[in-house]
Amino acid sequence: MTSVSLAIIGSGLSLLNVGQININTAFTPIKFIGISFGVNTLFRFICSAIGPALAGMLMQINQTPLKVDVATNMTNFPSSNSFMQIFLCMTLLCIISVVLSIMLKKS
């Protein structure tokens, strides 16, 4: 089940990147297309580095103790609250990026 889920997520991310390139090509003037692709790649690399670090930080902050086995002590795992915070944070970042792209289109 995990492999199927990862295959679906990987396919979606691949299609998303192809869509970004097509949108970039369609709406960028030809003299700025190199700059546009460079900035797109820069943001993708920076966000790929910041996103997991931010999610890991939120998962580390909100932990719940759980007894895994009778013989072992309590073990800490990320709580459901941390996943809700990750989802909220990413939703806010998506909304901000959509608003900024709409403002950019008008100018």
PDB file of N, CA and C in Angstrom:
ATOM      1  N   MET A   1       0.829  -1.193   0.000  1.00  0.00           N
ATOM      2  CA  MET A   1       0.000   0.000   0.000  1.00  0.00           C
ATOM      3  C   MET A   1       0.875   1.260   0.000  1.00  0.00           C
ATOM      4  N   THR A   2       1.970   1.209   0.750  1.00  0.00           N
ATOM      5  CA  THR A   2       2.878   2.357   0.791  1.00  0.00           C
ATOM      6  C   THR A   2       3.514   2.599  -0.570  1.00  0.00           C
ATOM      7  N   SER A   3       3.914   1.527  -1.247  1.00  0.00           N
ATOM      8  CA  SER A   3       4.528   1.669  -2.572  1.00  0.00           C
ATOM      9  C   SER A   3       3.552   2.267  -3.578  1.00  0.00           C
ATOM     10  N   VAL A   4       2.301   1.859  -3.516  1.00  0.00           N
ATOM     11  CA  VAL A   4       1.295   2.406  -4.423  1.00  0.00           C
ATOM     12  C   VAL A   4       1.085   3.893  -4.138  1.00  0.00           C
ATOM     13  N   SER A   5       1.015   4.256  -2.872  1.00  0.00           N
ATOM     14  CA  SER A   5       0.844   5.666  -2.502  1.00  0.00           C
ATOM     15  C   SER A   5       2.029   6.504  -2.974  1.00  0.00           C
ATOM     16  N   LEU A   6       3.245   5.996  -2.787  1.00  0.00           N
ATOM     17  CA  LEU A   6       4.427   6.737  -3.227  1.00  0.00           C
ATOM     18  C   LEU A   6       4.489   6.850  -4.749  1.00  0.00           C
ATOM     19  N   ALA A   7       4.029   5.829  -5.450  1.00  0.00           N
ATOM     20  CA  ALA A   7       3.991   5.893  -6.912  1.00  0.00           C
ATOM     21  C   ALA A   7       3.014   6.969  -7.382  1.00  0.00           C
ATOM     22  N   ILE A   8       1.869   7.073  -6.717  1.00  0.00           N
ATOM     23  CA  ILE A   8       0.882   8.093  -7.087  1.00  0.00           C
ATOM     24  C   ILE A   8       1.422   9.490  -6.789  1.00  0.00           C
ATOM     25  N   ILE A   9       2.042   9.651  -5.637  1.00  0.00           N
ATOM     26  CA  ILE A   9       2.605  10.957  -5.272  1.00  0.00           C
ATOM     27  C   ILE A   9       3.735  11.334  -6.223  1.00  0.00           C
ATOM     28  N   GLY A  10       4.603  10.383  -6.551  1.00  0.00           N
ATOM     29  CA  GLY A  10       5.709  10.654  -7.477  1.00  0.00           C
ATOM     30  C   GLY A  10       5.221  11.029  -8.861  1.00  0.00           C
ATOM     31  N   SER A  11       4.184  10.362  -9.334  1.00  0.00           N
ATOM     32  CA  SER A  11       3.616  10.694 -10.648  1.00  0.00           C
ATOM     33  C   SER A  11       3.025  12.100 -10.636  1.00  0.00           C
ATOM     34  N   GLY A  12       2.326  12.436  -9.570  1.00  0.00           N
ATOM     35  CA  GLY A  12       1.746  13.773  -9.469  1.00  0.00           C
ATOM     36  C   GLY A  12       2.798  14.865  -9.427  1.00  0.00           C
ATOM     37  N   LEU A  13       3.878  14.633  -8.692  1.00  0.00           N
ATOM     38  CA  LEU A  13       4.948  15.634  -8.631  1.00  0.00           C
ATOM     39  C   LEU A  13       5.645  15.789  -9.977  1.00  0.00           C
ATOM     40  N   SER A  14       5.824  14.691 -10.702  1.00  0.00           N
ATOM     41  CA  SER A  14       6.430  14.774 -12.031  1.00  0.00           C
ATOM     42  C   SER A  14       5.555  15.566 -12.984  1.00  0.00           C
ATOM     43  N   LEU A  15       4.257  15.295 -12.968  1.00  0.00           N
ATOM     44  CA  LEU A  15       3.340  16.039 -13.831  1.00  0.00           C
ATOM     45  C   LEU A  15       3.268  17.511 -13.440  1.00  0.00           C
ATOM     46  N   LEU A  16       3.398  17.795 -12.154  1.00  0.00           N
ATOM     47  CA  LEU A  16       3.396  19.181 -11.688  1.00  0.00           C
ATOM     48  C   LEU A  16       4.592  19.940 -12.242  1.00  0.00           C
ATOM     49  N   ASN A  17       5.762  19.336 -12.231  1.00  0.00           N
ATOM     50  CA  ASN A  17       6.960  20.004 -12.745  1.00  0.00           C
ATOM     51  C   ASN A  17       6.862  20.246 -14.245  1.00  0.00           C
ATOM     52  N   VAL A  18       6.286  19.310 -14.990  1.00  0.00           N
ATOM     53  CA  VAL A  18       6.096  19.506 -16.426  1.00  0.00           C
ATOM     54  C   VAL A  18       5.130  20.652 -16.671  1.00  0.00           C
ATOM     55  N   GLY A  19       4.072  20.723 -15.880  1.00  0.00           N
ATOM     56  CA  GLY A  19       3.115  21.815 -16.014  1.00  0.00           C
ATOM     57  C   GLY A  19       3.734  23.169 -15.724  1.00  0.00           C
ATOM     58  N   GLN A  20       4.617  23.220 -14.734  1.00  0.00           N
ATOM     59  CA  GLN A  20       5.296  24.477 -14.421  1.00  0.00           C
ATOM     60  C   GLN A  20       6.119  24.964 -15.601  1.00  0.00           C
ATOM     61  N   ILE A  21       6.824  24.070 -16.246  1.00  0.00           N
ATOM     62  CA  ILE A  21       7.663  24.454 -17.380  1.00  0.00           C
ATOM     63  C   ILE A  21       6.795  24.951 -18.529  1.00  0.00           C
ATOM     64  N   ASN A  22       5.668  24.293 -18.788  1.00  0.00           N
ATOM     65  CA  ASN A  22       4.775  24.726 -19.868  1.00  0.00           C
ATOM     66  C   ASN A  22       4.176  26.096 -19.592  1.00  0.00           C
ATOM     67  N   ILE A  23       3.766  26.328 -18.358  1.00  0.00           N
ATOM     68  CA  ILE A  23       3.205  27.635 -17.996  1.00  0.00           C
ATOM     69  C   ILE A  23       4.279  28.708 -18.092  1.00  0.00           C
ATOM     70  N   ASN A  24       5.473  28.389 -17.636  1.00  0.00           N
ATOM     71  CA  ASN A  24       6.591  29.314 -17.721  1.00  0.00           C
ATOM     72  C   ASN A  24       6.873  29.699 -19.164  1.00  0.00           C
ATOM     73  N   THR A  25       6.878  28.734 -20.052  1.00  0.00           N
ATOM     74  CA  THR A  25       7.167  28.982 -21.463  1.00  0.00           C
ATOM     75  C   THR A  25       6.056  29.790 -22.120  1.00  0.00           C
ATOM     76  N   ALA A  26       4.814  29.511 -21.764  1.00  0.00           N
ATOM     77  CA  ALA A  26       3.687  30.168 -22.417  1.00  0.00           C
ATOM     78  C   ALA A  26       3.535  31.637 -22.025  1.00  0.00           C
ATOM     79  N   PHE A  27       3.870  31.990 -20.799  1.00  0.00           N
ATOM     80  CA  PHE A  27       3.583  33.335 -20.323  1.00  0.00           C
ATOM     81  C   PHE A  27       4.813  34.226 -20.132  1.00  0.00           C
ATOM     82  N   THR A  28       5.976  33.775 -20.533  1.00  0.00           N
ATOM     83  CA  THR A  28       7.185  34.573 -20.378  1.00  0.00           C
ATOM     84  C   THR A  28       7.614  35.124 -21.732  1.00  0.00           C
ATOM     85  N   PRO A  29       7.904  36.424 -21.807  1.00  0.00           N
ATOM     86  CA  PRO A  29       8.449  36.962 -23.060  1.00  0.00           C
ATOM     87  C   PRO A  29       9.766  36.256 -23.410  1.00  0.00           C
ATOM     88  N   ILE A  30      10.014  36.093 -24.685  1.00  0.00           N
ATOM     89  CA  ILE A  30      11.145  35.283 -25.146  1.00  0.00           C
ATOM     90  C   ILE A  30      12.490  35.822 -24.643  1.00  0.00           C
ATOM     91  N   LYS A  31      12.626  37.127 -24.465  1.00  0.00           N
ATOM     92  CA  LYS A  31      13.912  37.657 -24.020  1.00  0.00           C
ATOM     93  C   LYS A  31      14.175  37.415 -22.530  1.00  0.00           C
ATOM     94  N   PHE A  32      13.124  37.060 -21.762  1.00  0.00           N
ATOM     95  CA  PHE A  32      13.291  36.794 -20.334  1.00  0.00           C
ATOM     96  C   PHE A  32      13.146  35.314 -19.980  1.00  0.00           C
ATOM     97  N   ILE A  33      13.085  34.449 -20.963  1.00  0.00           N
ATOM     98  CA  ILE A  33      12.793  33.045 -20.681  1.00  0.00           C
ATOM     99  C   ILE A  33      13.930  32.366 -19.919  1.00  0.00           C
ATOM    100  N   GLY A  34      15.167  32.725 -20.180  1.00  0.00           N
ATOM    101  CA  GLY A  34      16.297  32.150 -19.437  1.00  0.00           C
ATOM    102  C   GLY A  34      16.264  32.539 -17.971  1.00  0.00           C
ATOM    103  N   ILE A  35      15.967  33.801 -17.711  1.00  0.00           N
ATOM    104  CA  ILE A  35      15.858  34.274 -16.327  1.00  0.00           C
ATOM    105  C   ILE A  35      14.696  33.585 -15.629  1.00  0.00           C
ATOM    106  N   SER A  36      13.588  33.426 -16.337  1.00  0.00           N
ATOM    107  CA  SER A  36      12.409  32.797 -15.757  1.00  0.00           C
ATOM    108  C   SER A  36      12.673  31.343 -15.372  1.00  0.00           C
ATOM    109  N   PHE A  37      13.335  30.594 -16.235  1.00  0.00           N
ATOM    110  CA  PHE A  37      13.664  29.204 -15.907  1.00  0.00           C
ATOM    111  C   PHE A  37      14.677  29.124 -14.771  1.00  0.00           C
ATOM    112  N   GLY A  38      15.628  30.051 -14.743  1.00  0.00           N
ATOM    113  CA  GLY A  38      16.615  30.065 -13.665  1.00  0.00           C
ATOM    114  C   GLY A  38      15.986  30.344 -12.315  1.00  0.00           C
ATOM    115  N   VAL A  39      15.088  31.313 -12.267  1.00  0.00           N
ATOM    116  CA  VAL A  39      14.405  31.647 -11.011  1.00  0.00           C
ATOM    117  C   VAL A  39      13.495  30.493 -10.583  1.00  0.00           C
ATOM    118  N   ASN A  40      12.825  29.862 -11.538  1.00  0.00           N
ATOM    119  CA  ASN A  40      11.971  28.726 -11.236  1.00  0.00           C
ATOM    120  C   ASN A  40      12.786  27.585 -10.621  1.00  0.00           C
ATOM    121  N   THR A  41      13.926  27.297 -11.209  1.00  0.00           N
ATOM    122  CA  THR A  41      14.794  26.237 -10.682  1.00  0.00           C
ATOM    123  C   THR A  41      15.340  26.607  -9.307  1.00  0.00           C
ATOM    124  N   LEU A  42      15.723  27.866  -9.125  1.00  0.00           N
ATOM    125  CA  LEU A  42      16.230  28.327  -7.838  1.00  0.00           C
ATOM    126  C   LEU A  42      15.184  28.154  -6.747  1.00  0.00           C
ATOM    127  N   PHE A  43      13.950  28.599  -7.011  1.00  0.00           N
ATOM    128  CA  PHE A  43      12.887  28.462  -6.014  1.00  0.00           C
ATOM    129  C   PHE A  43      12.564  27.008  -5.723  1.00  0.00           C
ATOM    130  N   ARG A  44      12.591  26.168  -6.758  1.00  0.00           N
ATOM    131  CA  ARG A  44      12.306  24.750  -6.543  1.00  0.00           C
ATOM    132  C   ARG A  44      13.361  24.110  -5.650  1.00  0.00           C
ATOM    133  N   PHE A  45      14.640  24.445  -5.877  1.00  0.00           N
ATOM    134  CA  PHE A  45      15.709  23.890  -5.032  1.00  0.00           C
ATOM    135  C   PHE A  45      15.641  24.416  -3.601  1.00  0.00           C
ATOM    136  N   ILE A  46      15.407  25.716  -3.459  1.00  0.00           N
ATOM    137  CA  ILE A  46      15.346  26.307  -2.117  1.00  0.00           C
ATOM    138  C   ILE A  46      14.158  25.740  -1.337  1.00  0.00           C
ATOM    139  N   CYS A  47      12.998  25.660  -1.973  1.00  0.00           N
ATOM    140  CA  CYS A  47      11.819  25.141  -1.274  1.00  0.00           C
ATOM    141  C   CYS A  47      11.935  23.653  -0.992  1.00  0.00           C
ATOM    142  N   SER A  48      12.643  22.923  -1.846  1.00  0.00           N
ATOM    143  CA  SER A  48      12.865  21.499  -1.578  1.00  0.00           C
ATOM    144  C   SER A  48      13.776  21.295  -0.376  1.00  0.00           C
ATOM    145  N   ALA A  49      14.581  22.281  -0.064  1.00  0.00           N
ATOM    146  CA  ALA A  49      15.445  22.193   1.113  1.00  0.00           C
ATOM    147  C   ALA A  49      14.740  22.699   2.369  1.00  0.00           C
ATOM    148  N   ILE A  50      13.948  23.749   2.234  1.00  0.00           N
ATOM    149  CA  ILE A  50      13.296  24.354   3.397  1.00  0.00           C
ATOM    150  C   ILE A  50      12.086  23.548   3.853  1.00  0.00           C
ATOM    151  N   GLY A  51      11.298  23.005   2.922  1.00  0.00           N
ATOM    152  CA  GLY A  51      10.068  22.297   3.259  1.00  0.00           C
ATOM    153  C   GLY A  51      10.266  21.137   4.219  1.00  0.00           C
ATOM    154  N   PRO A  52      11.155  20.178   3.905  1.00  0.00           N
ATOM    155  CA  PRO A  52      11.359  19.072   4.841  1.00  0.00           C
ATOM    156  C   PRO A  52      11.941  19.511   6.182  1.00  0.00           C
ATOM    157  N   ALA A  53      12.772  20.548   6.171  1.00  0.00           N
ATOM    158  CA  ALA A  53      13.325  21.039   7.435  1.00  0.00           C
ATOM    159  C   ALA A  53      12.227  21.651   8.303  1.00  0.00           C
ATOM    160  N   LEU A  54      11.335  22.406   7.693  1.00  0.00           N
ATOM    161  CA  LEU A  54      10.223  22.998   8.436  1.00  0.00           C
ATOM    162  C   LEU A  54       9.283  21.910   8.960  1.00  0.00           C
ATOM    163  N   ALA A  55       8.985  20.922   8.130  1.00  0.00           N
ATOM    164  CA  ALA A  55       8.108  19.832   8.570  1.00  0.00           C
ATOM    165  C   ALA A  55       8.760  19.036   9.702  1.00  0.00           C
ATOM    166  N   GLY A  56      10.046  18.772   9.587  1.00  0.00           N
ATOM    167  CA  GLY A  56      10.753  18.057  10.650  1.00  0.00           C
ATOM    168  C   GLY A  56      10.769  18.829  11.954  1.00  0.00           C
ATOM    169  N   MET A  57      10.924  20.153  11.858  1.00  0.00           N
ATOM    170  CA  MET A  57      10.905  20.982  13.055  1.00  0.00           C
ATOM    171  C   MET A  57       9.540  20.920  13.734  1.00  0.00           C
ATOM    172  N   LEU A  58       8.469  21.014  12.947  1.00  0.00           N
ATOM    173  CA  LEU A  58       7.131  20.948  13.530  1.00  0.00           C
ATOM    174  C   LEU A  58       6.844  19.570  14.118  1.00  0.00           C
ATOM    175  N   MET A  59       7.358  18.530  13.490  1.00  0.00           N
ATOM    176  CA  MET A  59       7.152  17.179  14.019  1.00  0.00           C
ATOM    177  C   MET A  59       7.947  16.954  15.301  1.00  0.00           C
ATOM    178  N   GLN A  60       9.091  17.599  15.418  1.00  0.00           N
ATOM    179  CA  GLN A  60       9.908  17.456  16.621  1.00  0.00           C
ATOM    180  C   GLN A  60       9.324  18.244  17.795  1.00  0.00           C
ATOM    181  N   ILE A  61       8.709  19.377  17.506  1.00  0.00           N
ATOM    182  CA  ILE A  61       8.147  20.216  18.569  1.00  0.00           C
ATOM    183  C   ILE A  61       6.951  19.533  19.231  1.00  0.00           C
ATOM    184  N   ASN A  62       6.069  18.945  18.426  1.00  0.00           N
ATOM    185  CA  ASN A  62       4.830  18.351  18.938  1.00  0.00           C
ATOM    186  C   ASN A  62       4.943  16.836  18.925  1.00  0.00           C
ATOM    187  N   GLN A  63       5.302  16.266  20.045  1.00  0.00           N
ATOM    188  CA  GLN A  63       5.432  14.817  20.122  1.00  0.00           C
ATOM    189  C   GLN A  63       4.524  14.255  21.210  1.00  0.00           C
ATOM    190  N   THR A  64       4.148  12.998  21.009  1.00  0.00           N
ATOM    191  CA  THR A  64       3.289  12.284  21.943  1.00  0.00           C
ATOM    192  C   THR A  64       4.007  11.024  22.399  1.00  0.00           C
ATOM    193  N   PRO A  65       4.085  10.788  23.707  1.00  0.00           N
ATOM    194  CA  PRO A  65       4.702   9.534  24.166  1.00  0.00           C
ATOM    195  C   PRO A  65       3.781   8.347  23.880  1.00  0.00           C
ATOM    196  N   LEU A  66       4.387   7.237  23.472  1.00  0.00           N
ATOM    197  CA  LEU A  66       3.620   6.041  23.139  1.00  0.00           C
ATOM    198  C   LEU A  66       4.410   4.815  23.581  1.00  0.00           C
ATOM    199  N   LYS A  67       3.743   3.910  24.235  1.00  0.00           N
ATOM    200  CA  LYS A  67       4.388   2.676  24.670  1.00  0.00           C
ATOM    201  C   LYS A  67       4.270   1.661  23.538  1.00  0.00           C
ATOM    202  N   VAL A  68       5.397   1.345  22.918  1.00  0.00           N
ATOM    203  CA  VAL A  68       5.408   0.464  21.755  1.00  0.00           C
ATOM    204  C   VAL A  68       5.311  -0.994  22.163  1.00  0.00           C
ATOM    205  N   ASP A  69       6.030  -1.367  23.203  1.00  0.00           N
ATOM    206  CA  ASP A  69       6.106  -2.765  23.621  1.00  0.00           C
ATOM    207  C   ASP A  69       6.042  -2.799  25.149  1.00  0.00           C
ATOM    208  N   VAL A  70       5.649  -3.923  25.702  1.00  0.00           N
ATOM    209  CA  VAL A  70       5.571  -4.056  27.158  1.00  0.00           C
ATOM    210  C   VAL A  70       6.959  -3.962  27.771  1.00  0.00           C
ATOM    211  N   ALA A  71       7.957  -4.500  27.089  1.00  0.00           N
ATOM    212  CA  ALA A  71       9.310  -4.539  27.637  1.00  0.00           C
ATOM    213  C   ALA A  71      10.046  -3.208  27.471  1.00  0.00           C
ATOM    214  N   THR A  72       9.611  -2.366  26.553  1.00  0.00           N
ATOM    215  CA  THR A  72      10.327  -1.117  26.305  1.00  0.00           C
ATOM    216  C   THR A  72       9.710   0.041  27.081  1.00  0.00           C
ATOM    217  N   ASN A  73      10.462   1.105  27.143  1.00  0.00           N
ATOM    218  CA  ASN A  73       9.964   2.324  27.773  1.00  0.00           C
ATOM    219  C   ASN A  73       9.093   3.094  26.788  1.00  0.00           C
ATOM    220  N   MET A  74       8.633   4.227  27.226  1.00  0.00           N
ATOM    221  CA  MET A  74       7.828   5.095  26.364  1.00  0.00           C
ATOM    222  C   MET A  74       8.708   5.648  25.240  1.00  0.00           C
ATOM    223  N   THR A  75       8.138   5.731  24.050  1.00  0.00           N
ATOM    224  CA  THR A  75       8.823   6.284  22.890  1.00  0.00           C
ATOM    225  C   THR A  75       8.010   7.453  22.376  1.00  0.00           C
ATOM    226  N   ASN A  76       8.679   8.507  21.960  1.00  0.00           N
ATOM    227  CA  ASN A  76       7.991   9.694  21.458  1.00  0.00           C
ATOM    228  C   ASN A  76       7.806   9.608  19.952  1.00  0.00           C
ATOM    229  N   PHE A  77       6.608   9.952  19.507  1.00  0.00           N
ATOM    230  CA  PHE A  77       6.269  10.007  18.091  1.00  0.00           C
ATOM    231  C   PHE A  77       5.611  11.346  17.807  1.00  0.00           C
ATOM    232  N   PRO A  78       5.661  11.831  16.549  1.00  0.00           N
ATOM    233  CA  PRO A  78       4.961  13.084  16.220  1.00  0.00           C
ATOM    234  C   PRO A  78       3.465  12.942  16.457  1.00  0.00           C
ATOM    235  N   SER A  79       2.875  13.975  17.022  1.00  0.00           N
ATOM    236  CA  SER A  79       1.437  13.944  17.307  1.00  0.00           C
ATOM    237  C   SER A  79       0.650  14.334  16.059  1.00  0.00           C
ATOM    238  N   SER A  80      -0.627  14.110  16.103  1.00  0.00           N
ATOM    239  CA  SER A  80      -1.484  14.493  14.972  1.00  0.00           C
ATOM    240  C   SER A  80      -1.533  16.012  14.823  1.00  0.00           C
ATOM    241  N   ASN A  81      -1.314  16.733  15.913  1.00  0.00           N
ATOM    242  CA  ASN A  81      -1.280  18.189  15.870  1.00  0.00           C
ATOM    243  C   ASN A  81      -0.145  18.690  14.974  1.00  0.00           C
ATOM    244  N   SER A  82       0.983  18.004  14.985  1.00  0.00           N
ATOM    245  CA  SER A  82       2.106  18.443  14.154  1.00  0.00           C
ATOM    246  C   SER A  82       1.766  18.302  12.672  1.00  0.00           C
ATOM    247  N   PHE A  83       1.058  17.245  12.295  1.00  0.00           N
ATOM    248  CA  PHE A  83       0.672  17.080  10.896  1.00  0.00           C
ATOM    249  C   PHE A  83      -0.355  18.124  10.479  1.00  0.00           C
ATOM    250  N   MET A  84      -1.234  18.495  11.392  1.00  0.00           N
ATOM    251  CA  MET A  84      -2.186  19.567  11.096  1.00  0.00           C
ATOM    252  C   MET A  84      -1.463  20.899  10.908  1.00  0.00           C
ATOM    253  N   GLN A  85      -0.445  21.167  11.718  1.00  0.00           N
ATOM    254  CA  GLN A  85       0.324  22.395  11.567  1.00  0.00           C
ATOM    255  C   GLN A  85       1.098  22.414  10.253  1.00  0.00           C
ATOM    256  N   ILE A  86       1.647  21.280   9.858  1.00  0.00           N
ATOM    257  CA  ILE A  86       2.347  21.199   8.571  1.00  0.00           C
ATOM    258  C   ILE A  86       1.372  21.493   7.438  1.00  0.00           C
ATOM    259  N   PHE A  87       0.199  20.885   7.474  1.00  0.00           N
ATOM    260  CA  PHE A  87      -0.803  21.106   6.436  1.00  0.00           C
ATOM    261  C   PHE A  87      -1.238  22.567   6.410  1.00  0.00           C
ATOM    262  N   LEU A  88      -1.462  23.172   7.579  1.00  0.00           N
ATOM    263  CA  LEU A  88      -1.861  24.577   7.645  1.00  0.00           C
ATOM    264  C   LEU A  88      -0.777  25.488   7.095  1.00  0.00           C
ATOM    265  N   CYS A  89       0.465  25.228   7.457  1.00  0.00           N
ATOM    266  CA  CYS A  89       1.587  26.047   6.991  1.00  0.00           C
ATOM    267  C   CYS A  89       1.714  25.974   5.467  1.00  0.00           C
ATOM    268  N   MET A  90       1.627  24.785   4.910  1.00  0.00           N
ATOM    269  CA  MET A  90       1.745  24.633   3.462  1.00  0.00           C
ATOM    270  C   MET A  90       0.541  25.225   2.733  1.00  0.00           C
ATOM    271  N   THR A  91      -0.642  25.156   3.349  1.00  0.00           N
ATOM    272  CA  THR A  91      -1.828  25.777   2.757  1.00  0.00           C
ATOM    273  C   THR A  91      -1.663  27.289   2.701  1.00  0.00           C
ATOM    274  N   LEU A  92      -1.157  27.879   3.772  1.00  0.00           N
ATOM    275  CA  LEU A  92      -0.923  29.326   3.786  1.00  0.00           C
ATOM    276  C   LEU A  92       0.110  29.733   2.745  1.00  0.00           C
ATOM    277  N   LEU A  93       1.166  28.950   2.605  1.00  0.00           N
ATOM    278  CA  LEU A  93       2.179  29.262   1.588  1.00  0.00           C
ATOM    279  C   LEU A  93       1.608  29.151   0.177  1.00  0.00           C
ATOM    280  N   CYS A  94       0.734  28.187  -0.054  1.00  0.00           N
ATOM    281  CA  CYS A  94       0.084  28.061  -1.369  1.00  0.00           C
ATOM    282  C   CYS A  94      -0.814  29.260  -1.651  1.00  0.00           C
ATOM    283  N   ILE A  95      -1.575  29.681  -0.655  1.00  0.00           N
ATOM    284  CA  ILE A  95      -2.462  30.831  -0.843  1.00  0.00           C
ATOM    285  C   ILE A  95      -1.650  32.082  -1.122  1.00  0.00           C
ATOM    286  N   ILE A  96      -0.565  32.278  -0.398  1.00  0.00           N
ATOM    287  CA  ILE A  96       0.294  33.446  -0.619  1.00  0.00           C
ATOM    288  C   ILE A  96       0.876  33.420  -2.026  1.00  0.00           C
ATOM    289  N   SER A  97       1.331  32.267  -2.484  1.00  0.00           N
ATOM    290  CA  SER A  97       1.917  32.190  -3.825  1.00  0.00           C
ATOM    291  C   SER A  97       0.878  32.432  -4.917  1.00  0.00           C
ATOM    292  N   VAL A  98      -0.361  31.965  -4.714  1.00  0.00           N
ATOM    293  CA  VAL A  98      -1.414  32.222  -5.703  1.00  0.00           C
ATOM    294  C   VAL A  98      -1.745  33.713  -5.748  1.00  0.00           C
ATOM    295  N   VAL A  99      -1.847  34.346  -4.590  1.00  0.00           N
ATOM    296  CA  VAL A  99      -2.144  35.787  -4.546  1.00  0.00           C
ATOM    297  C   VAL A  99      -1.018  36.578  -5.208  1.00  0.00           C
ATOM    298  N   LEU A 100       0.229  36.218  -4.920  1.00  0.00           N
ATOM    299  CA  LEU A 100       1.350  36.928  -5.540  1.00  0.00           C
ATOM    300  C   LEU A 100       1.382  36.720  -7.059  1.00  0.00           C
ATOM    301  N   SER A 101       1.051  35.528  -7.513  1.00  0.00           N
ATOM    302  CA  SER A 101       1.060  35.296  -8.967  1.00  0.00           C
ATOM    303  C   SER A 101      -0.079  36.054  -9.654  1.00  0.00           C
ATOM    304  N   ILE A 102      -1.221  36.199  -8.989  1.00  0.00           N
ATOM    305  CA  ILE A 102      -2.312  36.989  -9.564  1.00  0.00           C
ATOM    306  C   ILE A 102      -1.918  38.463  -9.624  1.00  0.00           C
ATOM    307  N   MET A 103      -1.270  38.959  -8.574  1.00  0.00           N
ATOM    308  CA  MET A 103      -0.811  40.342  -8.580  1.00  0.00           C
ATOM    309  C   MET A 103       0.248  40.575  -9.653  1.00  0.00           C
ATOM    310  N   LEU A 104       1.111  39.601  -9.879  1.00  0.00           N
ATOM    311  CA  LEU A 104       2.163  39.716 -10.893  1.00  0.00           C
ATOM    312  C   LEU A 104       1.548  39.753 -12.290  1.00  0.00           C
ATOM    313  N   LYS A 105       0.515  38.971 -12.512  1.00  0.00           N
ATOM    314  CA  LYS A 105      -0.145  38.908 -13.816  1.00  0.00           C
ATOM    315  C   LYS A 105      -0.790  40.242 -14.172  1.00  0.00           C
ATOM    316  N   LYS A 106      -1.332  40.950 -13.166  1.00  0.00           N
ATOM    317  CA  LYS A 106      -2.015  42.223 -13.426  1.00  0.00           C
ATOM    318  C   LYS A 106      -1.030  43.342 -13.761  1.00  0.00           C
ATOM    319  N   SER A 107       0.184  43.255 -13.244  1.00  0.00           N
ATOM    320  CA  SER A 107       1.116  44.372 -13.459  1.00  0.00           C
ATOM    321  C   SER A 107       1.880  44.260 -14.748  1.00  0.00           C
TER     322      SER A 107
END
